[in-house]
Protein backbone atom coordinates (compact mmCIF):
# COMPACT_ATOMS: atom_id res chain seq x y z
CA MET A 1 0.00 0.00 0.00
CA ILE A 2 1.28 3.47 -0.86
CA LEU A 3 0.23 6.39 1.31
CA ALA A 4 1.08 9.95 2.28
CA ALA A 5 1.51 10.89 5.91
CA ILE A 6 -0.92 13.25 7.62
CA THR A 7 0.32 15.35 10.52
CA SER A 8 -1.26 17.82 12.92
CA ASN A 9 2.04 19.74 13.04
CA VAL A 10 0.77 22.66 10.95
CA GLY A 11 3.52 25.09 11.96
CA ARG A 12 5.18 25.00 8.55
CA LEU A 13 4.34 23.92 5.03
CA LEU A 14 7.00 22.32 2.86
CA VAL A 15 6.94 21.77 -0.90
CA GLY A 16 4.32 19.15 -1.64
CA ASP A 17 2.40 19.66 1.63
CA TYR A 18 -1.31 20.50 1.62
CA LYS A 19 -3.18 22.05 4.54
CA ILE A 20 -6.46 20.14 4.75
CA LYS A 21 -9.56 22.28 4.50
CA GLY A 22 -12.56 20.66 6.12
CA TRP A 23 -10.41 18.61 8.51
CA ARG A 24 -13.31 18.19 10.96
CA GLU A 25 -15.60 16.96 8.20
CA SER A 26 -12.86 14.50 7.23
CA GLY A 27 -12.97 12.99 10.72
CA LEU A 28 -9.65 14.39 11.90
CA LEU A 29 -9.24 15.63 15.48
CA TYR A 30 -7.00 18.62 14.71
CA PRO A 31 -6.08 20.90 11.81
CA SER A 32 -3.80 18.76 9.66
CA ILE A 33 -1.47 18.64 6.69
CA VAL A 34 -1.05 15.94 4.06
CA THR A 35 2.72 15.78 3.71
CA GLY A 36 4.62 15.48 0.46
CA ILE A 37 6.28 12.39 1.90
CA VAL A 38 5.09 9.10 0.45
CA ARG A 39 5.55 5.80 2.27
CA THR A 40 4.91 2.17 1.49
CA ILE A 41 3.53 -0.16 4.15
CA LYS A 42 2.01 -3.60 4.37
CA GLN A 43 -1.78 -3.83 4.64
CA ASP A 44 -1.56 -5.55 8.04
CA MET A 45 0.29 -2.52 9.48
CA ILE A 46 -2.89 -0.44 9.31
CA ALA A 47 -4.46 -0.33 12.77
CA GLY A 48 -7.59 1.61 11.89
CA LYS A 49 -9.17 4.46 10.00
CA LEU A 50 -9.23 8.00 11.42
CA GLY A 51 -11.22 9.63 8.65
CA VAL A 52 -11.64 10.20 4.92
CA LEU A 53 -10.44 13.23 3.01
CA LEU A 54 -13.12 15.23 1.26
CA PRO A 55 -12.81 14.92 -2.53
CA ARG A 56 -11.47 18.48 -2.96
CA SER A 57 -8.77 17.90 -0.33
CA TYR A 58 -7.79 14.58 -1.87
CA ILE A 59 -7.44 16.11 -5.34
CA ARG A 60 -5.46 19.11 -4.10
CA SER A 61 -3.13 17.00 -2.00
CA ARG A 62 -2.35 14.82 -5.04
CA THR A 63 -1.78 17.93 -7.16
CA ASN A 64 0.64 19.37 -4.58
CA PHE A 65 2.53 16.11 -4.38
CA GLY A 66 2.87 16.03 -8.15
CA ARG A 67 4.26 19.56 -8.13
CA SER A 68 6.90 18.68 -5.57
CA TRP A 69 7.97 15.60 -7.52
CA ARG A 70 8.19 17.52 -10.78
CA SER A 71 10.20 20.32 -9.16
CA ASP A 72 12.80 17.75 -7.98
CA VAL A 73 13.04 16.15 -11.40
CA TYR A 74 13.29 19.42 -13.29
CA SER A 75 15.82 20.93 -10.90
CA GLY A 76 18.04 17.90 -11.36
CA SER A 77 18.38 17.27 -7.62
CA TRP A 78 17.54 13.59 -8.17
CA ALA A 79 20.71 13.27 -10.24
CA THR A 80 23.01 15.28 -7.98
CA GLU A 81 21.67 13.83 -4.72
CA PRO A 82 21.37 10.06 -5.24
CA TRP A 83 20.22 9.52 -1.65
CA ARG A 84 16.92 11.13 -2.64
CA ARG A 85 16.00 8.25 -4.98
């Protein structure tokens, strides 16, 4: 399973992050950010479901992630910083 982390640490936004609008309606306890960090996990590592992003938040978070990925590729940092791969 591939997923993006969600954090309630909303003190700063990094490239690829998206501040969730409608976080209460999504079932989250606090204002939150979908981070531009993608992780892979096994299905059995999922303990439960906290909420569901509203369609507009889901679409915007994916758009922001795509922008951050494209900015890395176009800037060439993936070639000059192999640890980022």
